[in-house]
Amino acid sequence: MRHSENYDVMVNEQTVVLRRQGSSIPSVANILGSEVDKEGVRTIWLDRLVHRGAVVSLNDNWVASGAISTVLTCRAQ
């Protein structure tokens, strides 16, 4: 079951910073790997779990999933 949250997502070269809107405390994770598939979907594997729930829409672009560590996906822009 997918639920929605409202996060700002900043992707840097080696890290991802998630900041829940209304909170001043960021969640920071290292990027283990990333790819863009032939359909233009970008996938980023993180080194830790930074979301709550099975599948979470973080904002209009990003979806977080994963049980052991977070996997972010978004349509390439």
N, C-alpha and C. Protein backbone atom coordinates (compact mmCIF):
# COMPACT_ATOMS: atom_id res chain seq x y z
N MET A 1 0.84 -1.18 0.00
CA MET A 1 0.00 0.00 0.00
C MET A 1 0.89 1.24 0.00
N ARG A 2 0.62 2.16 -0.89
CA ARG A 2 1.40 3.39 -1.01
C ARG A 2 0.71 4.50 -0.25
N HIS A 3 1.49 5.25 0.52
CA HIS A 3 0.94 6.45 1.13
C HIS A 3 1.84 7.63 0.79
N SER A 4 1.33 8.82 1.00
CA SER A 4 2.05 10.03 0.60
C SER A 4 2.58 10.77 1.81
N GLU A 5 3.75 11.32 1.65
CA GLU A 5 4.36 12.22 2.62
C GLU A 5 4.73 13.46 1.83
N ASN A 6 5.27 14.47 2.48
CA ASN A 6 5.70 15.66 1.76
C ASN A 6 7.13 15.98 2.16
N TYR A 7 8.08 15.60 1.31
CA TYR A 7 9.50 15.77 1.56
C TYR A 7 10.14 16.62 0.47
N ASP A 8 11.17 17.37 0.85
CA ASP A 8 12.08 17.96 -0.11
C ASP A 8 13.20 16.95 -0.30
N VAL A 9 13.55 16.64 -1.54
CA VAL A 9 14.59 15.65 -1.84
C VAL A 9 15.70 16.36 -2.59
N MET A 10 16.92 16.32 -2.02
CA MET A 10 18.10 16.88 -2.68
C MET A 10 19.07 15.75 -2.98
N VAL A 11 19.38 15.56 -4.25
CA VAL A 11 20.32 14.52 -4.67
C VAL A 11 21.63 15.20 -5.01
N ASN A 12 22.68 14.84 -4.29
CA ASN A 12 24.02 15.33 -4.56
C ASN A 12 24.81 14.23 -5.25
N GLU A 13 26.09 14.44 -5.45
CA GLU A 13 26.91 13.44 -6.14
C GLU A 13 27.04 12.14 -5.33
N GLN A 14 27.18 12.25 -4.00
CA GLN A 14 27.40 11.07 -3.18
C GLN A 14 26.34 10.84 -2.11
N THR A 15 25.45 11.81 -1.91
CA THR A 15 24.44 11.69 -0.85
C THR A 15 23.07 12.14 -1.33
N VAL A 16 22.07 11.75 -0.55
CA VAL A 16 20.70 12.23 -0.73
C VAL A 16 20.27 12.81 0.61
N VAL A 17 19.65 13.99 0.56
CA VAL A 17 19.15 14.64 1.76
C VAL A 17 17.63 14.73 1.64
N LEU A 18 16.92 14.16 2.60
CA LEU A 18 15.47 14.25 2.65
C LEU A 18 15.09 15.10 3.85
N ARG A 19 14.25 16.08 3.61
CA ARG A 19 13.78 16.94 4.70
C ARG A 19 12.26 16.97 4.64
N ARG A 20 11.65 16.44 5.68
CA ARG A 20 10.19 16.45 5.76
C ARG A 20 9.72 17.88 5.92
N GLN A 21 8.77 18.30 5.11
CA GLN A 21 8.30 19.67 5.20
C GLN A 21 7.68 19.90 6.56
N GLY A 22 8.08 21.01 7.18
CA GLY A 22 7.65 21.32 8.53
C GLY A 22 8.65 20.88 9.58
N SER A 23 9.73 20.20 9.18
CA SER A 23 10.76 19.73 10.10
C SER A 23 12.10 20.34 9.70
N SER A 24 12.91 20.64 10.69
CA SER A 24 14.24 21.19 10.41
C SER A 24 15.32 20.12 10.44
N ILE A 25 14.95 18.88 10.73
CA ILE A 25 15.92 17.80 10.86
C ILE A 25 15.96 16.99 9.56
N PRO A 26 17.11 17.00 8.86
CA PRO A 26 17.20 16.24 7.61
C PRO A 26 17.59 14.79 7.86
N SER A 27 17.25 13.93 6.92
CA SER A 27 17.76 12.56 6.87
C SER A 27 18.76 12.51 5.73
N VAL A 28 19.97 12.05 6.02
CA VAL A 28 21.03 12.01 5.02
C VAL A 28 21.46 10.56 4.83
N ALA A 29 21.60 10.15 3.57
CA ALA A 29 22.04 8.79 3.26
C ALA A 29 23.05 8.85 2.12
N ASN A 30 23.98 7.91 2.15
CA ASN A 30 24.96 7.79 1.07
C ASN A 30 24.36 7.03 -0.10
N ILE A 31 24.75 7.40 -1.30
CA ILE A 31 24.30 6.72 -2.51
C ILE A 31 25.21 5.53 -2.77
N LEU A 32 24.62 4.33 -2.84
CA LEU A 32 25.39 3.13 -3.17
C LEU A 32 25.50 2.94 -4.67
N GLY A 33 24.49 3.36 -5.40
CA GLY A 33 24.49 3.21 -6.85
C GLY A 33 23.27 3.89 -7.43
N SER A 34 23.32 4.16 -8.73
CA SER A 34 22.17 4.75 -9.41
C SER A 34 22.20 4.39 -10.88
N GLU A 35 21.02 4.45 -11.50
CA GLU A 35 20.92 4.20 -12.94
C GLU A 35 19.66 4.86 -13.47
N VAL A 36 19.67 5.10 -14.78
CA VAL A 36 18.48 5.55 -15.50
C VAL A 36 18.21 4.49 -16.55
N ASP A 37 17.01 3.87 -16.50
CA ASP A 37 16.71 2.81 -17.47
C ASP A 37 16.24 3.39 -18.80
N LYS A 38 15.97 2.53 -19.74
CA LYS A 38 15.61 2.97 -21.10
C LYS A 38 14.28 3.71 -21.16
N GLU A 39 13.42 3.54 -20.15
CA GLU A 39 12.16 4.28 -20.08
C GLU A 39 12.34 5.64 -19.41
N GLY A 40 13.54 5.93 -18.93
CA GLY A 40 13.81 7.21 -18.28
C GLY A 40 13.54 7.24 -16.80
N VAL A 41 13.38 6.07 -16.17
CA VAL A 41 13.16 6.01 -14.72
C VAL A 41 14.52 5.98 -14.03
N ARG A 42 14.74 6.94 -13.14
CA ARG A 42 15.99 7.00 -12.37
C ARG A 42 15.80 6.25 -11.07
N THR A 43 16.73 5.36 -10.75
CA THR A 43 16.71 4.59 -9.51
C THR A 43 17.99 4.88 -8.74
N ILE A 44 17.85 5.15 -7.44
CA ILE A 44 18.99 5.42 -6.58
C ILE A 44 18.89 4.50 -5.37
N TRP A 45 19.96 3.73 -5.11
CA TRP A 45 20.03 2.84 -3.96
C TRP A 45 20.79 3.54 -2.85
N LEU A 46 20.20 3.58 -1.64
CA LEU A 46 20.81 4.25 -0.50
C LEU A 46 21.36 3.24 0.49
N ASP A 47 22.22 3.71 1.39
CA ASP A 47 22.88 2.82 2.34
C ASP A 47 22.10 2.63 3.64
N ARG A 48 20.94 3.22 3.73
CA ARG A 48 20.13 3.08 4.96
C ARG A 48 18.66 3.31 4.65
N LEU A 49 17.83 3.02 5.60
CA LEU A 49 16.39 3.22 5.49
C LEU A 49 16.06 4.64 5.94
N VAL A 50 15.50 5.45 5.04
CA VAL A 50 15.19 6.84 5.38
C VAL A 50 13.72 7.18 5.18
N HIS A 51 12.89 6.16 4.96
CA HIS A 51 11.45 6.40 4.79
C HIS A 51 10.68 5.48 5.72
N ARG A 52 9.41 5.77 5.91
CA ARG A 52 8.54 4.94 6.75
C ARG A 52 7.50 4.28 5.87
N GLY A 53 7.27 3.01 6.07
CA GLY A 53 6.26 2.30 5.30
C GLY A 53 6.87 1.54 4.14
N ALA A 54 6.04 0.75 3.47
CA ALA A 54 6.52 -0.09 2.37
C ALA A 54 6.86 0.73 1.14
N VAL A 55 5.91 1.51 0.65
CA VAL A 55 6.11 2.37 -0.52
C VAL A 55 5.53 3.73 -0.18
N VAL A 56 6.36 4.77 -0.32
CA VAL A 56 5.96 6.11 0.09
C VAL A 56 6.20 7.09 -1.06
N SER A 57 5.18 7.84 -1.45
CA SER A 57 5.37 8.95 -2.38
C SER A 57 5.91 10.12 -1.57
N LEU A 58 7.16 10.50 -1.82
CA LEU A 58 7.79 11.57 -1.05
C LEU A 58 7.34 12.95 -1.51
N ASN A 59 7.07 13.07 -2.80
CA ASN A 59 6.56 14.31 -3.39
C ASN A 59 6.05 13.96 -4.78
N ASP A 60 5.85 14.94 -5.63
CA ASP A 60 5.31 14.68 -6.96
C ASP A 60 6.26 13.88 -7.85
N ASN A 61 7.56 13.89 -7.53
CA ASN A 61 8.56 13.24 -8.38
C ASN A 61 9.09 11.92 -7.82
N TRP A 62 9.36 11.86 -6.54
CA TRP A 62 10.11 10.75 -5.95
C TRP A 62 9.22 9.77 -5.19
N VAL A 63 9.53 8.47 -5.34
CA VAL A 63 8.88 7.40 -4.58
C VAL A 63 9.98 6.63 -3.86
N ALA A 64 9.75 6.33 -2.58
CA ALA A 64 10.70 5.56 -1.78
C ALA A 64 10.12 4.18 -1.49
N SER A 65 10.97 3.16 -1.56
CA SER A 65 10.56 1.79 -1.24
C SER A 65 11.75 1.08 -0.63
N GLY A 66 11.53 -0.15 -0.17
CA GLY A 66 12.61 -0.95 0.39
C GLY A 66 12.35 -1.30 1.84
N ALA A 67 12.84 -2.47 2.25
CA ALA A 67 12.65 -2.93 3.62
C ALA A 67 13.92 -2.81 4.46
N ILE A 68 15.08 -2.99 3.85
CA ILE A 68 16.36 -2.94 4.56
C ILE A 68 17.04 -1.60 4.35
N SER A 69 17.00 -1.10 3.14
CA SER A 69 17.50 0.23 2.82
C SER A 69 16.57 0.85 1.78
N THR A 70 16.61 2.16 1.68
CA THR A 70 15.69 2.87 0.79
C THR A 70 16.16 2.82 -0.65
N VAL A 71 15.22 2.60 -1.55
CA VAL A 71 15.44 2.71 -2.99
C VAL A 71 14.53 3.84 -3.47
N LEU A 72 15.13 4.88 -4.06
CA LEU A 72 14.36 6.00 -4.59
C LEU A 72 14.18 5.83 -6.08
N THR A 73 13.00 6.16 -6.58
CA THR A 73 12.76 6.15 -8.03
C THR A 73 12.04 7.42 -8.43
N CYS A 74 12.35 7.87 -9.64
CA CYS A 74 11.66 9.03 -10.21
C CYS A 74 11.82 9.00 -11.71
N ARG A 75 10.86 9.60 -12.37
CA ARG A 75 10.93 9.73 -13.83
C ARG A 75 12.00 10.76 -14.14
N ALA A 76 12.95 10.42 -15.01
CA ALA A 76 14.04 11.34 -15.37
C ALA A 76 13.47 12.59 -16.01
N GLN A 77 14.09 13.73 -15.70
CA GLN A 77 13.57 15.00 -16.20
C GLN A 77 14.52 15.65 -17.15
